[in-house]
């Protein structure tokens, strides 16, 4: 039972970090992009979002 709860908690923690961590990183990057280079904010944020999703996809694919 203890191993089950530990594995469940670790899976849940990994889910939280991978989803909300990515969202927070994207929002921080978008805020910095608008602040420092307004002309390229949309494009650079879109490229960063694609990079984050591809990186998370490779991470989850490698994990299983």
PDB file of N, CA and C in Angstrom:
ATOM      1  N   UNK A   1       0.829  -1.191   0.000  1.00  0.00           N
ATOM      2  CA  UNK A   1       0.000   0.000   0.000  1.00  0.00           C
ATOM      3  C   UNK A   1       0.875   1.256   0.000  1.00  0.00           C
ATOM      4  N   UNK A   2       1.941   1.218   0.784  1.00  0.00           N
ATOM      5  CA  UNK A   2       2.822   2.376   0.870  1.00  0.00           C
ATOM      6  C   UNK A   2       3.514   2.639  -0.480  1.00  0.00           C
ATOM      7  N   UNK A   3       3.952   1.572  -1.142  1.00  0.00           N
ATOM      8  CA  UNK A   3       4.581   1.732  -2.454  1.00  0.00           C
ATOM      9  C   UNK A   3       3.599   2.288  -3.475  1.00  0.00           C
ATOM     10  N   UNK A   4       2.342   1.846  -3.405  1.00  0.00           N
ATOM     11  CA  UNK A   4       1.316   2.348  -4.308  1.00  0.00           C
ATOM     12  C   UNK A   4       1.106   3.843  -4.096  1.00  0.00           C
ATOM     13  N   UNK A   5       0.998   4.272  -2.845  1.00  0.00           N
ATOM     14  CA  UNK A   5       0.795   5.688  -2.561  1.00  0.00           C
ATOM     15  C   UNK A   5       2.008   6.517  -2.976  1.00  0.00           C
ATOM     16  N   UNK A   6       3.192   5.980  -2.748  1.00  0.00           N
ATOM     17  CA  UNK A   6       4.407   6.691  -3.132  1.00  0.00           C
ATOM     18  C   UNK A   6       4.475   6.854  -4.649  1.00  0.00           C
ATOM     19  N   UNK A   7       4.179   5.787  -5.385  1.00  0.00           N
ATOM     20  CA  UNK A   7       4.204   5.861  -6.852  1.00  0.00           C
ATOM     21  C   UNK A   7       3.121   6.806  -7.358  1.00  0.00           C
ATOM     22  N   UNK A   8       1.942   6.748  -6.755  1.00  0.00           N
ATOM     23  CA  UNK A   8       0.858   7.640  -7.169  1.00  0.00           C
ATOM     24  C   UNK A   8       1.227   9.097  -6.918  1.00  0.00           C
ATOM     25  N   UNK A   9       1.825   9.368  -5.760  1.00  0.00           N
ATOM     26  CA  UNK A   9       2.229  10.737  -5.446  1.00  0.00           C
ATOM     27  C   UNK A   9       3.310  11.223  -6.406  1.00  0.00           C
ATOM     28  N   UNK A  10       4.280  10.379  -6.717  1.00  0.00           N
ATOM     29  CA  UNK A  10       5.346  10.771  -7.637  1.00  0.00           C
ATOM     30  C   UNK A  10       4.808  11.011  -9.047  1.00  0.00           C
ATOM     31  N   UNK A  11       3.867  10.182  -9.485  1.00  0.00           N
ATOM     32  CA  UNK A  11       3.241  10.391 -10.794  1.00  0.00           C
ATOM     33  C   UNK A  11       2.460  11.708 -10.827  1.00  0.00           C
ATOM     34  N   UNK A  12       1.743  11.995  -9.743  1.00  0.00           N
ATOM     35  CA  UNK A  12       0.976  13.233  -9.660  1.00  0.00           C
ATOM     36  C   UNK A  12       1.908  14.444  -9.624  1.00  0.00           C
ATOM     37  N   UNK A  13       2.986  14.353  -8.868  1.00  0.00           N
ATOM     38  CA  UNK A  13       3.951  15.451  -8.802  1.00  0.00           C
ATOM     39  C   UNK A  13       4.601  15.684 -10.165  1.00  0.00           C
ATOM     40  N   UNK A  14       4.918  14.608 -10.878  1.00  0.00           N
ATOM     41  CA  UNK A  14       5.498  14.741 -12.218  1.00  0.00           C
ATOM     42  C   UNK A  14       4.501  15.398 -13.168  1.00  0.00           C
ATOM     43  N   UNK A  15       3.233  15.030 -13.045  1.00  0.00           N
ATOM     44  CA  UNK A  15       2.192  15.640 -13.874  1.00  0.00           C
ATOM     45  C   UNK A  15       2.096  17.143 -13.601  1.00  0.00           C
ATOM     46  N   UNK A  16       2.085  17.512 -12.323  1.00  0.00           N
ATOM     47  CA  UNK A  16       1.983  18.928 -11.978  1.00  0.00           C
ATOM     48  C   UNK A  16       3.175  19.723 -12.495  1.00  0.00           C
ATOM     49  N   UNK A  17       4.362  19.193 -12.291  1.00  0.00           N
ATOM     50  CA  UNK A  17       5.563  19.912 -12.716  1.00  0.00           C
ATOM     51  C   UNK A  17       5.622  20.021 -14.232  1.00  0.00           C
ATOM     52  N   UNK A  18       5.276  18.954 -14.927  1.00  0.00           N
ATOM     53  CA  UNK A  18       5.387  18.995 -16.388  1.00  0.00           C
ATOM     54  C   UNK A  18       4.324  19.889 -17.022  1.00  0.00           C
ATOM     55  N   UNK A  19       3.119  19.915 -16.490  1.00  0.00           N
ATOM     56  CA  UNK A  19       2.083  20.750 -17.107  1.00  0.00           C
ATOM     57  C   UNK A  19       2.155  22.193 -16.619  1.00  0.00           C
ATOM     58  N   UNK A  20       2.086  22.394 -15.315  1.00  0.00           N
ATOM     59  CA  UNK A  20       2.078  23.758 -14.800  1.00  0.00           C
ATOM     60  C   UNK A  20       3.445  24.416 -14.910  1.00  0.00           C
ATOM     61  N   UNK A  21       4.499  23.632 -14.836  1.00  0.00           N
ATOM     62  CA  UNK A  21       5.833  24.188 -15.051  1.00  0.00           C
ATOM     63  C   UNK A  21       5.989  24.716 -16.457  1.00  0.00           C
ATOM     64  N   UNK A  22       5.465  23.980 -17.428  1.00  0.00           N
ATOM     65  CA  UNK A  22       5.526  24.432 -18.822  1.00  0.00           C
ATOM     66  C   UNK A  22       4.691  25.692 -19.024  1.00  0.00           C
ATOM     67  N   UNK A  23       3.519  25.728 -18.431  1.00  0.00           N
ATOM     68  CA  UNK A  23       2.653  26.905 -18.566  1.00  0.00           C
ATOM     69  C   UNK A  23       3.315  28.131 -17.953  1.00  0.00           C
ATOM     70  N   UNK A  24       3.898  27.968 -16.772  1.00  0.00           N
ATOM     71  CA  UNK A  24       4.568  29.092 -16.111  1.00  0.00           C
ATOM     72  C   UNK A  24       5.775  29.549 -16.929  1.00  0.00           C
ATOM     73  N   UNK A  25       6.550  28.604 -17.456  1.00  0.00           N
ATOM     74  CA  UNK A  25       7.709  28.969 -18.276  1.00  0.00           C
ATOM     75  C   UNK A  25       7.280  29.733 -19.525  1.00  0.00           C
ATOM     76  N   UNK A  26       6.192  29.307 -20.152  1.00  0.00           N
ATOM     77  CA  UNK A  26       5.696  29.997 -21.348  1.00  0.00           C
ATOM     78  C   UNK A  26       5.223  31.405 -21.001  1.00  0.00           C
ATOM     79  N   UNK A  27       4.513  31.555 -19.889  1.00  0.00           N
ATOM     80  CA  UNK A  27       4.041  32.883 -19.493  1.00  0.00           C
ATOM     81  C   UNK A  27       5.197  33.812 -19.145  1.00  0.00           C
ATOM     82  N   UNK A  28       6.202  33.297 -18.460  1.00  0.00           N
ATOM     83  CA  UNK A  28       7.374  34.120 -18.133  1.00  0.00           C
ATOM     84  C   UNK A  28       8.093  34.535 -19.410  1.00  0.00           C
ATOM     85  N   UNK A  29       8.279  33.589 -20.323  1.00  0.00           N
ATOM     86  CA  UNK A  29       8.941  33.914 -21.584  1.00  0.00           C
ATOM     87  C   UNK A  29       8.142  34.954 -22.359  1.00  0.00           C
ATOM     88  N   UNK A  30       6.828  34.809 -22.402  1.00  0.00           N
ATOM     89  CA  UNK A  30       5.995  35.773 -23.131  1.00  0.00           C
ATOM     90  C   UNK A  30       6.093  37.159 -22.499  1.00  0.00           C
ATOM     91  N   UNK A  31       6.089  37.218 -21.177  1.00  0.00           N
ATOM     92  CA  UNK A  31       6.230  38.509 -20.502  1.00  0.00           C
ATOM     93  C   UNK A  31       7.565  39.167 -20.789  1.00  0.00           C
ATOM     94  N   UNK A  32       8.624  38.376 -20.771  1.00  0.00           N
ATOM     95  CA  UNK A  32       9.941  38.927 -21.092  1.00  0.00           C
ATOM     96  C   UNK A  32      10.034  39.333 -22.557  1.00  0.00           C
ATOM     97  N   UNK A  33       9.409  38.560 -23.430  1.00  0.00           N
ATOM     98  CA  UNK A  33       9.439  38.890 -24.856  1.00  0.00           C
ATOM     99  C   UNK A  33       8.743  40.219 -25.127  1.00  0.00           C
ATOM    100  N   UNK A  34       7.614  40.441 -24.500  1.00  0.00           N
ATOM    101  CA  UNK A  34       6.887  41.696 -24.700  1.00  0.00           C
ATOM    102  C   UNK A  34       7.678  42.862 -24.117  1.00  0.00           C
ATOM    103  N   UNK A  35       8.357  42.622 -23.003  1.00  0.00           N
ATOM    104  CA  UNK A  35       9.106  43.693 -22.356  1.00  0.00           C
ATOM    105  C   UNK A  35      10.341  44.096 -23.154  1.00  0.00           C
ATOM    106  N   UNK A  36      11.088  43.127 -23.650  1.00  0.00           N
ATOM    107  CA  UNK A  36      12.393  43.431 -24.226  1.00  0.00           C
ATOM    108  C   UNK A  36      12.427  43.506 -25.747  1.00  0.00           C
ATOM    109  N   UNK A  37      11.611  42.752 -26.441  1.00  0.00           N
ATOM    110  CA  UNK A  37      11.608  42.852 -27.910  1.00  0.00           C
ATOM    111  C   UNK A  37      10.176  42.684 -28.409  1.00  0.00           C
ATOM    112  N   UNK A  38       9.464  43.814 -28.404  1.00  0.00           N
ATOM    113  CA  UNK A  38       8.037  43.818 -28.735  1.00  0.00           C
ATOM    114  C   UNK A  38       7.759  43.370 -30.164  1.00  0.00           C
ATOM    115  N   UNK A  39       8.653  43.707 -31.082  1.00  0.00           N
ATOM    116  CA  UNK A  39       8.400  43.393 -32.494  1.00  0.00           C
ATOM    117  C   UNK A  39       8.347  41.892 -32.737  1.00  0.00           C
ATOM    118  N   UNK A  40       9.105  41.132 -31.950  1.00  0.00           N
ATOM    119  CA  UNK A  40       9.222  39.695 -32.185  1.00  0.00           C
ATOM    120  C   UNK A  40       8.538  38.859 -31.100  1.00  0.00           C
ATOM    121  N   UNK A  41       7.717  39.483 -30.269  1.00  0.00           N
ATOM    122  CA  UNK A  41       7.142  38.790 -29.111  1.00  0.00           C
ATOM    123  C   UNK A  41       6.246  37.623 -29.524  1.00  0.00           C
ATOM    124  N   UNK A  42       5.352  37.837 -30.481  1.00  0.00           N
ATOM    125  CA  UNK A  42       4.433  36.763 -30.868  1.00  0.00           C
ATOM    126  C   UNK A  42       5.170  35.596 -31.504  1.00  0.00           C
ATOM    127  N   UNK A  43       6.047  35.901 -32.422  1.00  0.00           N
ATOM    128  CA  UNK A  43       6.767  34.837 -33.121  1.00  0.00           C
ATOM    129  C   UNK A  43       7.695  34.058 -32.211  1.00  0.00           C
ATOM    130  N   UNK A  44       8.444  34.772 -31.369  1.00  0.00           N
ATOM    131  CA  UNK A  44       9.378  34.072 -30.484  1.00  0.00           C
ATOM    132  C   UNK A  44       8.635  33.260 -29.430  1.00  0.00           C
ATOM    133  N   UNK A  45       7.504  33.766 -28.957  1.00  0.00           N
ATOM    134  CA  UNK A  45       6.720  33.004 -27.985  1.00  0.00           C
ATOM    135  C   UNK A  45       6.126  31.760 -28.631  1.00  0.00           C
ATOM    136  N   UNK A  46       5.667  31.877 -29.868  1.00  0.00           N
ATOM    137  CA  UNK A  46       5.129  30.700 -30.565  1.00  0.00           C
ATOM    138  C   UNK A  46       6.211  29.645 -30.773  1.00  0.00           C
ATOM    139  N   UNK A  47       7.409  30.080 -31.145  1.00  0.00           N
ATOM    140  CA  UNK A  47       8.514  29.132 -31.311  1.00  0.00           C
ATOM    141  C   UNK A  47       8.871  28.487 -29.977  1.00  0.00           C
ATOM    142  N   UNK A  48       8.869  29.281 -28.906  1.00  0.00           N
ATOM    143  CA  UNK A  48       9.166  28.734 -27.580  1.00  0.00           C
ATOM    144  C   UNK A  48       8.105  27.723 -27.151  1.00  0.00           C
ATOM    145  N   UNK A  49       6.835  28.005 -27.429  1.00  0.00           N
ATOM    146  CA  UNK A  49       5.755  27.068 -27.094  1.00  0.00           C
ATOM    147  C   UNK A  49       5.946  25.753 -27.844  1.00  0.00           C
ATOM    148  N   UNK A  50       6.262  25.830 -29.116  1.00  0.00           N
ATOM    149  CA  UNK A  50       6.519  24.605 -29.885  1.00  0.00           C
ATOM    150  C   UNK A  50       7.697  23.834 -29.305  1.00  0.00           C
ATOM    151  N   UNK A  51       8.751  24.544 -28.949  1.00  0.00           N
ATOM    152  CA  UNK A  51       9.917  23.899 -28.350  1.00  0.00           C
ATOM    153  C   UNK A  51       9.551  23.200 -27.041  1.00  0.00           C
ATOM    154  N   UNK A  52       8.763  23.859 -26.197  1.00  0.00           N
ATOM    155  CA  UNK A  52       8.369  23.263 -24.911  1.00  0.00           C
ATOM    156  C   UNK A  52       7.525  22.017 -25.141  1.00  0.00           C
ATOM    157  N   UNK A  53       6.561  22.082 -26.049  1.00  0.00           N
ATOM    158  CA  UNK A  53       5.714  20.915 -26.292  1.00  0.00           C
ATOM    159  C   UNK A  53       6.487  19.754 -26.898  1.00  0.00           C
ATOM    160  N   UNK A  54       7.406  20.046 -27.798  1.00  0.00           N
ATOM    161  CA  UNK A  54       8.228  18.976 -28.371  1.00  0.00           C
ATOM    162  C   UNK A  54       9.126  18.368 -27.300  1.00  0.00           C
ATOM    163  N   UNK A  55       9.721  19.214 -26.462  1.00  0.00           N
ATOM    164  CA  UNK A  55      10.586  18.710 -25.395  1.00  0.00           C
ATOM    165  C   UNK A  55       9.798  17.850 -24.409  1.00  0.00           C
ATOM    166  N   UNK A  56       8.598  18.289 -24.040  1.00  0.00           N
ATOM    167  CA  UNK A  56       7.773  17.481 -23.135  1.00  0.00           C
ATOM    168  C   UNK A  56       7.337  16.186 -23.801  1.00  0.00           C
ATOM    169  N   UNK A  57       7.051  16.244 -25.080  1.00  0.00           N
ATOM    170  CA  UNK A  57       6.685  15.029 -25.803  1.00  0.00           C
ATOM    171  C   UNK A  57       7.816  14.022 -25.815  1.00  0.00           C
ATOM    172  N   UNK A  58       9.034  14.489 -26.084  1.00  0.00           N
ATOM    173  CA  UNK A  58      10.183  13.585 -26.055  1.00  0.00           C
ATOM    174  C   UNK A  58      10.418  13.037 -24.653  1.00  0.00           C
ATOM    175  N   UNK A  59      10.212  13.883 -23.640  1.00  0.00           N
ATOM    176  CA  UNK A  59      10.412  13.436 -22.259  1.00  0.00           C
ATOM    177  C   UNK A  59       9.422  12.330 -21.906  1.00  0.00           C
ATOM    178  N   UNK A  60       8.148  12.539 -22.223  1.00  0.00           N
ATOM    179  CA  UNK A  60       7.140  11.537 -21.883  1.00  0.00           C
ATOM    180  C   UNK A  60       7.274  10.285 -22.744  1.00  0.00           C
ATOM    181  N   UNK A  61       7.687  10.437 -23.997  1.00  0.00           N
ATOM    182  CA  UNK A  61       7.887   9.279 -24.863  1.00  0.00           C
ATOM    183  C   UNK A  61       9.060   8.434 -24.369  1.00  0.00           C
ATOM    184  N   UNK A  62      10.124   9.093 -23.945  1.00  0.00           N
ATOM    185  CA  UNK A  62      11.299   8.387 -23.435  1.00  0.00           C
ATOM    186  C   UNK A  62      10.990   7.710 -22.103  1.00  0.00           C
ATOM    187  N   UNK A  63      10.132   8.336 -21.325  1.00  0.00           N
ATOM    188  CA  UNK A  63       9.812   7.833 -19.983  1.00  0.00           C
ATOM    189  C   UNK A  63       9.053   6.505 -20.046  1.00  0.00           C
ATOM    190  N   UNK A  64       8.235   6.288 -21.069  1.00  0.00           N
ATOM    191  CA  UNK A  64       7.382   5.097 -21.104  1.00  0.00           C
ATOM    192  C   UNK A  64       7.974   4.000 -21.872  1.00  0.00           C
TER     193      UNK A  64
END
